PDB file of N, CA and C in Angstrom:
ATOM      1  N   MET A   1     -10.434 -11.543 -16.161  1.00  0.00           N
ATOM      2  CA  MET A   1     -10.471 -10.698 -14.983  1.00  0.00           C
ATOM      3  C   MET A   1      -9.743 -11.420 -13.841  1.00  0.00           C
ATOM      4  N   ALA A   2      -8.509 -11.043 -13.572  1.00  0.00           N
ATOM      5  CA  ALA A   2      -7.707 -11.652 -12.525  1.00  0.00           C
ATOM      6  C   ALA A   2      -7.876 -10.878 -11.222  1.00  0.00           C
ATOM      7  N   ILE A   3      -7.903 -11.629 -10.146  1.00  0.00           N
ATOM      8  CA  ILE A   3      -8.021 -11.012  -8.824  1.00  0.00           C
ATOM      9  C   ILE A   3      -6.637 -10.551  -8.376  1.00  0.00           C
ATOM     10  N   ASP A   4      -6.559  -9.350  -7.848  1.00  0.00           N
ATOM     11  CA  ASP A   4      -5.293  -8.753  -7.408  1.00  0.00           C
ATOM     12  C   ASP A   4      -4.969  -9.226  -5.985  1.00  0.00           C
ATOM     13  N   TRP A   5      -4.532 -10.480  -5.869  1.00  0.00           N
ATOM     14  CA  TRP A   5      -4.246 -11.047  -4.546  1.00  0.00           C
ATOM     15  C   TRP A   5      -3.100 -10.334  -3.850  1.00  0.00           C
ATOM     16  N   ILE A   6      -2.101  -9.921  -4.594  1.00  0.00           N
ATOM     17  CA  ILE A   6      -0.966  -9.220  -3.987  1.00  0.00           C
ATOM     18  C   ILE A   6      -1.432  -7.878  -3.415  1.00  0.00           C
ATOM     19  N   GLY A   7      -2.305  -7.192  -4.131  1.00  0.00           N
ATOM     20  CA  GLY A   7      -2.852  -5.933  -3.639  1.00  0.00           C
ATOM     21  C   GLY A   7      -3.671  -6.110  -2.371  1.00  0.00           C
ATOM     22  N   TYR A   8      -4.459  -7.192  -2.336  1.00  0.00           N
ATOM     23  CA  TYR A   8      -5.227  -7.483  -1.125  1.00  0.00           C
ATOM     24  C   TYR A   8      -4.311  -7.838   0.042  1.00  0.00           C
ATOM     25  N   GLY A   9      -3.228  -8.549  -0.231  1.00  0.00           N
ATOM     26  CA  GLY A   9      -2.259  -8.876   0.819  1.00  0.00           C
ATOM     27  C   GLY A   9      -1.585  -7.642   1.381  1.00  0.00           C
ATOM     28  N   TYR A  10      -1.241  -6.708   0.496  1.00  0.00           N
ATOM     29  CA  TYR A  10      -0.650  -5.442   0.930  1.00  0.00           C
ATOM     30  C   TYR A  10      -1.639  -4.689   1.830  1.00  0.00           C
ATOM     31  N   ALA A  11      -2.890  -4.638   1.408  1.00  0.00           N
ATOM     32  CA  ALA A  11      -3.916  -3.936   2.186  1.00  0.00           C
ATOM     33  C   ALA A  11      -4.070  -4.560   3.567  1.00  0.00           C
ATOM     34  N   ALA A  12      -4.080  -5.884   3.619  1.00  0.00           N
ATOM     35  CA  ALA A  12      -4.208  -6.569   4.904  1.00  0.00           C
ATOM     36  C   ALA A  12      -3.006  -6.290   5.801  1.00  0.00           C
ATOM     37  N   SER A  13      -1.812  -6.238   5.213  1.00  0.00           N
ATOM     38  CA  SER A  13      -0.626  -5.967   6.031  1.00  0.00           C
ATOM     39  C   SER A  13      -0.628  -4.543   6.575  1.00  0.00           C
ATOM     40  N   ILE A  14      -1.136  -3.594   5.799  1.00  0.00           N
ATOM     41  CA  ILE A  14      -1.208  -2.213   6.272  1.00  0.00           C
ATOM     42  C   ILE A  14      -2.202  -2.097   7.430  1.00  0.00           C
ATOM     43  N   ALA A  15      -3.381  -2.696   7.270  1.00  0.00           N
ATOM     44  CA  ALA A  15      -4.389  -2.643   8.328  1.00  0.00           C
ATOM     45  C   ALA A  15      -3.906  -3.373   9.582  1.00  0.00           C
ATOM     46  N   THR A  16      -3.263  -4.519   9.396  1.00  0.00           N
ATOM     47  CA  THR A  16      -2.738  -5.270  10.537  1.00  0.00           C
ATOM     48  C   THR A  16      -1.638  -4.492  11.242  1.00  0.00           C
ATOM     49  N   GLY A  17      -0.778  -3.843  10.476  1.00  0.00           N
ATOM     50  CA  GLY A  17       0.284  -3.028  11.064  1.00  0.00           C
ATOM     51  C   GLY A  17      -0.262  -1.878  11.899  1.00  0.00           C
ATOM     52  N   GLY A  18      -1.342  -1.266  11.431  1.00  0.00           N
ATOM     53  CA  GLY A  18      -1.975  -0.211  12.225  1.00  0.00           C
ATOM     54  C   GLY A  18      -2.531  -0.742  13.532  1.00  0.00           C
ATOM     55  N   ALA A  19      -3.142  -1.923  13.479  1.00  0.00           N
ATOM     56  CA  ALA A  19      -3.678  -2.530  14.703  1.00  0.00           C
ATOM     57  C   ALA A  19      -2.559  -2.910  15.668  1.00  0.00           C
ATOM     58  N   ILE A  20      -1.465  -3.428  15.143  1.00  0.00           N
ATOM     59  CA  ILE A  20      -0.327  -3.780  15.997  1.00  0.00           C
ATOM     60  C   ILE A  20       0.278  -2.529  16.623  1.00  0.00           C
ATOM     61  N   GLY A  21       0.369  -1.451  15.863  1.00  0.00           N
ATOM     62  CA  GLY A  21       0.866  -0.192  16.414  1.00  0.00           C
ATOM     63  C   GLY A  21       0.001   0.306  17.556  1.00  0.00           C
ATOM     64  N   TYR A  22      -1.301   0.109  17.432  1.00  0.00           N
ATOM     65  CA  TYR A  22      -2.214   0.510  18.509  1.00  0.00           C
ATOM     66  C   TYR A  22      -2.037  -0.387  19.731  1.00  0.00           C
ATOM     67  N   ILE A  23      -1.920  -1.685  19.507  1.00  0.00           N
ATOM     68  CA  ILE A  23      -1.796  -2.627  20.624  1.00  0.00           C
ATOM     69  C   ILE A  23      -0.468  -2.435  21.359  1.00  0.00           C
ATOM     70  N   LYS A  24       0.630  -2.291  20.611  1.00  0.00           N
ATOM     71  CA  LYS A  24       1.952  -2.200  21.240  1.00  0.00           C
ATOM     72  C   LYS A  24       2.233  -0.837  21.851  1.00  0.00           C
ATOM     73  N   ALA A  25       1.847   0.227  21.157  1.00  0.00           N
ATOM     74  CA  ALA A  25       2.221   1.572  21.609  1.00  0.00           C
ATOM     75  C   ALA A  25       1.031   2.401  22.061  1.00  0.00           C
ATOM     76  N   GLY A  26      -0.176   1.873  21.886  1.00  0.00           N
ATOM     77  CA  GLY A  26      -1.358   2.646  22.250  1.00  0.00           C
ATOM     78  C   GLY A  26      -1.606   3.818  21.313  1.00  0.00           C
ATOM     79  N   SER A  27      -1.105   3.737  20.095  1.00  0.00           N
ATOM     80  CA  SER A  27      -1.204   4.843  19.148  1.00  0.00           C
ATOM     81  C   SER A  27      -2.514   4.773  18.365  1.00  0.00           C
ATOM     82  N   SER A  28      -3.426   5.661  18.695  1.00  0.00           N
ATOM     83  CA  SER A  28      -4.695   5.736  17.970  1.00  0.00           C
ATOM     84  C   SER A  28      -4.487   6.179  16.537  1.00  0.00           C
ATOM     85  N   ILE A  29      -3.485   7.015  16.317  1.00  0.00           N
ATOM     86  CA  ILE A  29      -3.189   7.485  14.969  1.00  0.00           C
ATOM     87  C   ILE A  29      -2.745   6.322  14.086  1.00  0.00           C
ATOM     88  N   SER A  30      -1.931   5.415  14.628  1.00  0.00           N
ATOM     89  CA  SER A  30      -1.513   4.240  13.857  1.00  0.00           C
ATOM     90  C   SER A  30      -2.716   3.391  13.475  1.00  0.00           C
ATOM     91  N   LEU A  31      -3.622   3.205  14.409  1.00  0.00           N
ATOM     92  CA  LEU A  31      -4.819   2.414  14.126  1.00  0.00           C
ATOM     93  C   LEU A  31      -5.664   3.082  13.047  1.00  0.00           C
ATOM     94  N   PHE A  32      -5.913   4.370  13.188  1.00  0.00           N
ATOM     95  CA  PHE A  32      -6.729   5.105  12.214  1.00  0.00           C
ATOM     96  C   PHE A  32      -6.079   5.092  10.834  1.00  0.00           C
ATOM     97  N   ALA A  33      -4.780   5.427  10.776  1.00  0.00           N
ATOM     98  CA  ALA A  33      -4.088   5.483   9.480  1.00  0.00           C
ATOM     99  C   ALA A  33      -4.000   4.094   8.846  1.00  0.00           C
ATOM    100  N   GLY A  34      -3.710   3.076   9.653  1.00  0.00           N
ATOM    101  CA  GLY A  34      -3.624   1.719   9.128  1.00  0.00           C
ATOM    102  C   GLY A  34      -4.947   1.253   8.551  1.00  0.00           C
ATOM    103  N   LEU A  35      -6.026   1.525   9.274  1.00  0.00           N
ATOM    104  CA  LEU A  35      -7.337   1.120   8.769  1.00  0.00           C
ATOM    105  C   LEU A  35      -7.749   1.933   7.544  1.00  0.00           C
ATOM    106  N   LEU A  36      -7.493   3.230   7.567  1.00  0.00           N
ATOM    107  CA  LEU A  36      -7.838   4.085   6.427  1.00  0.00           C
ATOM    108  C   LEU A  36      -7.109   3.642   5.167  1.00  0.00           C
ATOM    109  N   PHE A  37      -5.781   3.500   5.258  1.00  0.00           N
ATOM    110  CA  PHE A  37      -5.016   3.120   4.083  1.00  0.00           C
ATOM    111  C   PHE A  37      -5.238   1.662   3.706  1.00  0.00           C
ATOM    112  N   GLY A  38      -5.551   0.815   4.675  1.00  0.00           N
ATOM    113  CA  GLY A  38      -5.907  -0.559   4.357  1.00  0.00           C
ATOM    114  C   GLY A  38      -7.204  -0.636   3.571  1.00  0.00           C
ATOM    115  N   ILE A  39      -8.178   0.170   3.964  1.00  0.00           N
ATOM    116  CA  ILE A  39      -9.456   0.210   3.240  1.00  0.00           C
ATOM    117  C   ILE A  39      -9.257   0.781   1.839  1.00  0.00           C
ATOM    118  N   LEU A  40      -8.474   1.860   1.731  1.00  0.00           N
ATOM    119  CA  LEU A  40      -8.199   2.436   0.410  1.00  0.00           C
ATOM    120  C   LEU A  40      -7.480   1.442  -0.497  1.00  0.00           C
ATOM    121  N   ALA A  41      -6.507   0.721   0.055  1.00  0.00           N
ATOM    122  CA  ALA A  41      -5.781  -0.264  -0.750  1.00  0.00           C
ATOM    123  C   ALA A  41      -6.680  -1.431  -1.137  1.00  0.00           C
ATOM    124  N   THR A  42      -7.595  -1.825  -0.249  1.00  0.00           N
ATOM    125  CA  THR A  42      -8.552  -2.888  -0.579  1.00  0.00           C
ATOM    126  C   THR A  42      -9.471  -2.439  -1.705  1.00  0.00           C
ATOM    127  N   PHE A  43      -9.974  -1.216  -1.605  1.00  0.00           N
ATOM    128  CA  PHE A  43     -10.836  -0.684  -2.656  1.00  0.00           C
ATOM    129  C   PHE A  43     -10.090  -0.594  -3.988  1.00  0.00           C
ATOM    130  N   GLY A  44      -8.842  -0.140  -3.936  1.00  0.00           N
ATOM    131  CA  GLY A  44      -8.036  -0.057  -5.150  1.00  0.00           C
ATOM    132  C   GLY A  44      -7.759  -1.418  -5.758  1.00  0.00           C
ATOM    133  N   ALA A  45      -7.487  -2.418  -4.912  1.00  0.00           N
ATOM    134  CA  ALA A  45      -7.257  -3.777  -5.417  1.00  0.00           C
ATOM    135  C   ALA A  45      -8.533  -4.332  -6.048  1.00  0.00           C
ATOM    136  N   PHE A  46      -9.683  -4.007  -5.458  1.00  0.00           N
ATOM    137  CA  PHE A  46     -10.954  -4.432  -6.042  1.00  0.00           C
ATOM    138  C   PHE A  46     -11.158  -3.785  -7.412  1.00  0.00           C
ATOM    139  N   GLN A  47     -10.892  -2.481  -7.491  1.00  0.00           N
ATOM    140  CA  GLN A  47     -11.034  -1.781  -8.771  1.00  0.00           C
ATOM    141  C   GLN A  47     -10.097  -2.360  -9.826  1.00  0.00           C
ATOM    142  N   ARG A  48      -8.876  -2.649  -9.424  1.00  0.00           N
ATOM    143  CA  ARG A  48      -7.902  -3.195 -10.375  1.00  0.00           C
ATOM    144  C   ARG A  48      -8.278  -4.614 -10.795  1.00  0.00           C
ATOM    145  N   SER A  49      -8.925  -5.354  -9.899  1.00  0.00           N
ATOM    146  CA  SER A  49      -9.393  -6.686 -10.255  1.00  0.00           C
ATOM    147  C   SER A  49     -10.488  -6.606 -11.312  1.00  0.00           C
ATOM    148  N   GLN A  50     -11.290  -5.551 -11.277  1.00  0.00           N
ATOM    149  CA  GLN A  50     -12.355  -5.365 -12.257  1.00  0.00           C
ATOM    150  C   GLN A  50     -11.823  -4.846 -13.592  1.00  0.00           C
ATOM    151  N   ASP A  51     -10.862  -3.917 -13.516  1.00  0.00           N
ATOM    152  CA  ASP A  51     -10.280  -3.317 -14.716  1.00  0.00           C
ATOM    153  C   ASP A  51      -8.794  -3.052 -14.455  1.00  0.00           C
ATOM    154  N   PRO A  52      -7.893  -3.813 -15.075  1.00  0.00           N
ATOM    155  CA  PRO A  52      -6.453  -3.666 -14.806  1.00  0.00           C
ATOM    156  C   PRO A  52      -5.895  -2.275 -15.087  1.00  0.00           C
ATOM    157  N   LYS A  53      -6.599  -1.463 -15.852  1.00  0.00           N
ATOM    158  CA  LYS A  53      -6.119  -0.104 -16.143  1.00  0.00           C
ATOM    159  C   LYS A  53      -6.528   0.902 -15.071  1.00  0.00           C
ATOM    160  N   ASN A  54      -7.410   0.526 -14.178  1.00  0.00           N
ATOM    161  CA  ASN A  54      -7.909   1.425 -13.140  1.00  0.00           C
ATOM    162  C   ASN A  54      -6.975   1.354 -11.923  1.00  0.00           C
ATOM    163  N   VAL A  55      -5.902   2.124 -11.957  1.00  0.00           N
ATOM    164  CA  VAL A  55      -4.867   2.034 -10.930  1.00  0.00           C
ATOM    165  C   VAL A  55      -4.745   3.308 -10.091  1.00  0.00           C
ATOM    166  N   TRP A  56      -5.616   4.263 -10.282  1.00  0.00           N
ATOM    167  CA  TRP A  56      -5.405   5.580  -9.671  1.00  0.00           C
ATOM    168  C   TRP A  56      -5.536   5.586  -8.159  1.00  0.00           C
ATOM    169  N   VAL A  57      -6.483   4.860  -7.605  1.00  0.00           N
ATOM    170  CA  VAL A  57      -6.616   4.798  -6.141  1.00  0.00           C
ATOM    171  C   VAL A  57      -5.395   4.095  -5.553  1.00  0.00           C
ATOM    172  N   LEU A  58      -4.973   3.020  -6.203  1.00  0.00           N
ATOM    173  CA  LEU A  58      -3.785   2.311  -5.724  1.00  0.00           C
ATOM    174  C   LEU A  58      -2.545   3.176  -5.821  1.00  0.00           C
ATOM    175  N   LEU A  59      -2.407   3.883  -6.910  1.00  0.00           N
ATOM    176  CA  LEU A  59      -1.234   4.737  -7.082  1.00  0.00           C
ATOM    177  C   LEU A  59      -1.181   5.819  -6.004  1.00  0.00           C
ATOM    178  N   GLY A  60      -2.317   6.415  -5.701  1.00  0.00           N
ATOM    179  CA  GLY A  60      -2.370   7.417  -4.637  1.00  0.00           C
ATOM    180  C   GLY A  60      -2.071   6.834  -3.272  1.00  0.00           C
ATOM    181  N   THR A  61      -2.620   5.654  -3.005  1.00  0.00           N
ATOM    182  CA  THR A  61      -2.398   4.999  -1.706  1.00  0.00           C
ATOM    183  C   THR A  61      -0.938   4.590  -1.548  1.00  0.00           C
ATOM    184  N   TYR A  62      -0.407   3.905  -2.555  1.00  0.00           N
ATOM    185  CA  TYR A  62       0.988   3.468  -2.478  1.00  0.00           C
ATOM    186  C   TYR A  62       1.945   4.655  -2.440  1.00  0.00           C
ATOM    187  N   GLY A  63       1.663   5.684  -3.229  1.00  0.00           N
ATOM    188  CA  GLY A  63       2.520   6.862  -3.239  1.00  0.00           C
ATOM    189  C   GLY A  63       2.535   7.585  -1.906  1.00  0.00           C
ATOM    190  N   THR A  64       1.363   7.734  -1.311  1.00  0.00           N
ATOM    191  CA  THR A  64       1.285   8.388  -0.003  1.00  0.00           C
ATOM    192  C   THR A  64       2.005   7.578   1.063  1.00  0.00           C
ATOM    193  N   MET A  65       1.784   6.261   1.055  1.00  0.00           N
ATOM    194  CA  MET A  65       2.443   5.413   2.049  1.00  0.00           C
ATOM    195  C   MET A  65       3.962   5.432   1.873  1.00  0.00           C
ATOM    196  N   SER A  66       4.442   5.384   0.634  1.00  0.00           N
ATOM    197  CA  SER A  66       5.897   5.391   0.431  1.00  0.00           C
ATOM    198  C   SER A  66       6.496   6.735   0.841  1.00  0.00           C
ATOM    199  N   ALA A  67       5.803   7.831   0.582  1.00  0.00           N
ATOM    200  CA  ALA A  67       6.324   9.149   0.956  1.00  0.00           C
ATOM    201  C   ALA A  67       6.342   9.328   2.474  1.00  0.00           C
ATOM    202  N   VAL A  68       5.218   9.037   3.118  1.00  0.00           N
ATOM    203  CA  VAL A  68       5.124   9.242   4.572  1.00  0.00           C
ATOM    204  C   VAL A  68       6.084   8.317   5.310  1.00  0.00           C
ATOM    205  N   MET A  69       6.057   7.048   4.968  1.00  0.00           N
ATOM    206  CA  MET A  69       6.921   6.105   5.673  1.00  0.00           C
ATOM    207  C   MET A  69       8.384   6.274   5.264  1.00  0.00           C
ATOM    208  N   GLY A  70       8.629   6.740   4.039  1.00  0.00           N
ATOM    209  CA  GLY A  70       9.999   7.024   3.633  1.00  0.00           C
ATOM    210  C   GLY A  70      10.607   8.163   4.435  1.00  0.00           C
ATOM    211  N   VAL A  71       9.829   9.201   4.667  1.00  0.00           N
ATOM    212  CA  VAL A  71      10.299  10.319   5.500  1.00  0.00           C
ATOM    213  C   VAL A  71      10.548   9.849   6.924  1.00  0.00           C
ATOM    214  N   ARG A  72       9.642   9.020   7.447  1.00  0.00           N
ATOM    215  CA  ARG A  72       9.840   8.484   8.803  1.00  0.00           C
ATOM    216  C   ARG A  72      11.096   7.626   8.877  1.00  0.00           C
ATOM    217  N   PHE A  73      11.343   6.825   7.840  1.00  0.00           N
ATOM    218  CA  PHE A  73      12.539   5.987   7.819  1.00  0.00           C
ATOM    219  C   PHE A  73      13.801   6.836   7.767  1.00  0.00           C
ATOM    220  N   LEU A  74      13.800   7.860   6.913  1.00  0.00           N
ATOM    221  CA  LEU A  74      14.987   8.700   6.784  1.00  0.00           C
ATOM    222  C   LEU A  74      15.274   9.519   8.043  1.00  0.00           C
ATOM    223  N   SER A  75      14.232   9.815   8.825  1.00  0.00           N
ATOM    224  CA  SER A  75      14.470  10.575  10.054  1.00  0.00           C
ATOM    225  C   SER A  75      14.871   9.678  11.224  1.00  0.00           C
ATOM    226  N   SER A  76      14.473   8.415  11.196  1.00  0.00           N
ATOM    227  CA  SER A  76      14.767   7.538  12.329  1.00  0.00           C
ATOM    228  C   SER A  76      15.741   6.408  11.999  1.00  0.00           C
ATOM    229  N   TRP A  77      15.882   6.056  10.741  1.00  0.00           N
ATOM    230  CA  TRP A  77      16.671   4.914  10.264  1.00  0.00           C
ATOM    231  C   TRP A  77      16.227   3.601  10.894  1.00  0.00           C
ATOM    232  N   LYS A  78      14.939   3.518  11.259  1.00  0.00           N
ATOM    233  CA  LYS A  78      14.380   2.270  11.786  1.00  0.00           C
ATOM    234  C   LYS A  78      13.720   1.521  10.638  1.00  0.00           C
ATOM    235  N   VAL A  79      14.198   0.315  10.419  1.00  0.00           N
ATOM    236  CA  VAL A  79      13.672  -0.484   9.321  1.00  0.00           C
ATOM    237  C   VAL A  79      12.245  -0.940   9.615  1.00  0.00           C
ATOM    238  N   MET A  80      11.963  -1.220  10.865  1.00  0.00           N
ATOM    239  CA  MET A  80      10.643  -1.720  11.232  1.00  0.00           C
ATOM    240  C   MET A  80       9.878  -0.646  11.975  1.00  0.00           C
ATOM    241  N   PRO A  81       8.749  -0.208  11.567  1.00  0.00           N
ATOM    242  CA  PRO A  81       7.982  -0.579  10.387  1.00  0.00           C
ATOM    243  C   PRO A  81       8.192   0.370   9.205  1.00  0.00           C
ATOM    244  N   ALA A  82       8.807   1.528   9.461  1.00  0.00           N
ATOM    245  CA  ALA A  82       8.843   2.577   8.437  1.00  0.00           C
ATOM    246  C   ALA A  82       9.577   2.146   7.168  1.00  0.00           C
ATOM    247  N   GLY A  83      10.762   1.582   7.313  1.00  0.00           N
ATOM    248  CA  GLY A  83      11.535   1.176   6.144  1.00  0.00           C
ATOM    249  C   GLY A  83      10.877   0.041   5.381  1.00  0.00           C
ATOM    250  N   LEU A  84      10.294  -0.886   6.107  1.00  0.00           N
ATOM    251  CA  LEU A  84       9.624  -2.025   5.485  1.00  0.00           C
ATOM    252  C   LEU A  84       8.419  -1.576   4.659  1.00  0.00           C
ATOM    253  N   ILE A  85       7.592  -0.724   5.229  1.00  0.00           N
ATOM    254  CA  ILE A  85       6.397  -0.258   4.520  1.00  0.00           C
ATOM    255  C   ILE A  85       6.776   0.652   3.351  1.00  0.00           C
ATOM    256  N   ALA A  86       7.784   1.508   3.540  1.00  0.00           N
ATOM    257  CA  ALA A  86       8.226   2.364   2.440  1.00  0.00           C
ATOM    258  C   ALA A  86       8.747   1.521   1.283  1.00  0.00           C
ATOM    259  N   GLY A  87       9.546   0.511   1.591  1.00  0.00           N
ATOM    260  CA  GLY A  87      10.066  -0.373   0.552  1.00  0.00           C
ATOM    261  C   GLY A  87       8.969  -1.167  -0.134  1.00  0.00           C
ATOM    262  N   ALA A  88       8.043  -1.704   0.655  1.00  0.00           N
ATOM    263  CA  ALA A  88       6.933  -2.472   0.075  1.00  0.00           C
ATOM    264  C   ALA A  88       6.068  -1.578  -0.805  1.00  0.00           C
ATOM    265  N   SER A  89       5.840  -0.354  -0.380  1.00  0.00           N
ATOM    266  CA  SER A  89       5.027   0.572  -1.171  1.00  0.00           C
ATOM    267  C   SER A  89       5.714   0.928  -2.486  1.00  0.00           C
ATOM    268  N   LEU A  90       7.023   1.122  -2.446  1.00  0.00           N
ATOM    269  CA  LEU A  90       7.760   1.403  -3.679  1.00  0.00           C
ATOM    270  C   LEU A  90       7.712   0.213  -4.631  1.00  0.00           C
ATOM    271  N   LEU A  91       7.821  -0.997  -4.078  1.00  0.00           N
ATOM    272  CA  LEU A  91       7.705  -2.187  -4.918  1.00  0.00           C
ATOM    273  C   LEU A  91       6.314  -2.300  -5.541  1.00  0.00           C
ATOM    274  N   MET A  92       5.286  -1.926  -4.789  1.00  0.00           N
ATOM    275  CA  MET A  92       3.929  -1.973  -5.320  1.00  0.00           C
ATOM    276  C   MET A  92       3.748  -0.934  -6.432  1.00  0.00           C
ATOM    277  N   ILE A  93       4.368   0.234  -6.291  1.00  0.00           N
ATOM    278  CA  ILE A  93       4.322   1.238  -7.366  1.00  0.00           C
ATOM    279  C   ILE A  93       5.011   0.693  -8.611  1.00  0.00           C
ATOM    280  N   LEU A  94       6.155   0.058  -8.432  1.00  0.00           N
ATOM    281  CA  LEU A  94       6.870  -0.549  -9.553  1.00  0.00           C
ATOM    282  C   LEU A  94       6.008  -1.632 -10.209  1.00  0.00           C
ATOM    283  N   ARG A  95       5.345  -2.439  -9.402  1.00  0.00           N
ATOM    284  CA  ARG A  95       4.453  -3.485  -9.916  1.00  0.00           C
ATOM    285  C   ARG A  95       3.313  -2.875 -10.734  1.00  0.00           C
ATOM    286  N   LEU A  96       2.745  -1.778 -10.253  1.00  0.00           N
ATOM    287  CA  LEU A  96       1.692  -1.104 -11.008  1.00  0.00           C
ATOM    288  C   LEU A  96       2.206  -0.598 -12.349  1.00  0.00           C
ATOM    289  N   GLY A  97       3.396  -0.014 -12.335  1.00  0.00           N
ATOM    290  CA  GLY A  97       3.969   0.511 -13.563  1.00  0.00           C
ATOM    291  C   GLY A  97       4.215  -0.579 -14.590  1.00  0.00           C
ATOM    292  N   VAL A  98       4.776  -1.696 -14.147  1.00  0.00           N
ATOM    293  CA  VAL A  98       5.029  -2.810 -15.059  1.00  0.00           C
ATOM    294  C   VAL A  98       3.713  -3.373 -15.583  1.00  0.00           C
ATOM    295  N   GLY A  99       2.728  -3.552 -14.699  1.00  0.00           N
ATOM    296  CA  GLY A  99       1.426  -4.063 -15.122  1.00  0.00           C
ATOM    297  C   GLY A  99       0.725  -3.124 -16.082  1.00  0.00           C
ATOM    298  N   PHE A 100       0.836  -1.842 -15.836  1.00  0.00           N
ATOM    299  CA  PHE A 100       0.205  -0.854 -16.715  1.00  0.00           C
ATOM    300  C   PHE A 100       0.851  -0.870 -18.095  1.00  0.00           C
ATOM    301  N   LEU A 101       2.174  -0.982 -18.129  1.00  0.00           N
ATOM    302  CA  LEU A 101       2.859  -1.030 -19.413  1.00  0.00           C
ATOM    303  C   LEU A 101       2.517  -2.311 -20.183  1.00  0.00           C
ATOM    304  N   GLN A 102       2.348  -3.410 -19.463  1.00  0.00           N
ATOM    305  CA  GLN A 102       1.982  -4.665 -20.133  1.00  0.00           C
ATOM    306  C   GLN A 102       0.575  -4.603 -20.709  1.00  0.00           C
ATOM    307  N   THR A 103      -0.380  -4.000 -19.969  1.00  0.00           N
ATOM    308  CA  THR A 103      -1.743  -3.891 -20.504  1.00  0.00           C
ATOM    309  C   THR A 103      -1.787  -2.920 -21.667  1.00  0.00           C
ATOM    310  N   LYS A 104      -0.952  -1.884 -21.618  1.00  0.00           N
ATOM    311  CA  LYS A 104      -0.891  -0.921 -22.722  1.00  0.00           C
ATOM    312  C   LYS A 104      -0.290  -1.584 -23.971  1.00  0.00           C
ATOM    313  N   LYS A 105       0.716  -2.434 -23.754  1.00  0.00           N
ATOM    314  CA  LYS A 105       1.368  -3.124 -24.852  1.00  0.00           C
ATOM    315  C   LYS A 105       0.415  -4.128 -25.509  1.00  0.00           C
ATOM    316  N   ASN A 106      -0.416  -4.796 -24.708  1.00  0.00           N
ATOM    317  CA  ASN A 106      -1.344  -5.804 -25.221  1.00  0.00           C
ATOM    318  C   ASN A 106      -2.567  -5.172 -25.867  1.00  0.00           C
ATOM    319  N   ALA A 107      -2.828  -3.909 -25.592  1.00  0.00           N
ATOM    320  CA  ALA A 107      -4.038  -3.268 -26.123  1.00  0.00           C
ATOM    321  C   ALA A 107      -3.915  -2.864 -27.562  1.00  0.00           C
TER     322      ALA A 107
END
């Protein structure tokens, strides 16, 4: 049973980004969304740490973040924070896919 440290790091960065958005711009929505998705990603990382095949909460969280932030990036072309989070979320989806295929192969 390996701990999903990368997943926990992603969750912490999402929650921290929401707090920074609130501090810098006064955006309550950034704070709420950052904390919500940070909590969901933390819960998903915990679930994946318990069972590597349990990726559904993470897949939903990463997929939603990549879609929302990807649309924001494409409309503004600002790399920070929209492009960075969209890219990180896509990488996390790729990581889940590779990990899922490896556990399926070993089973």
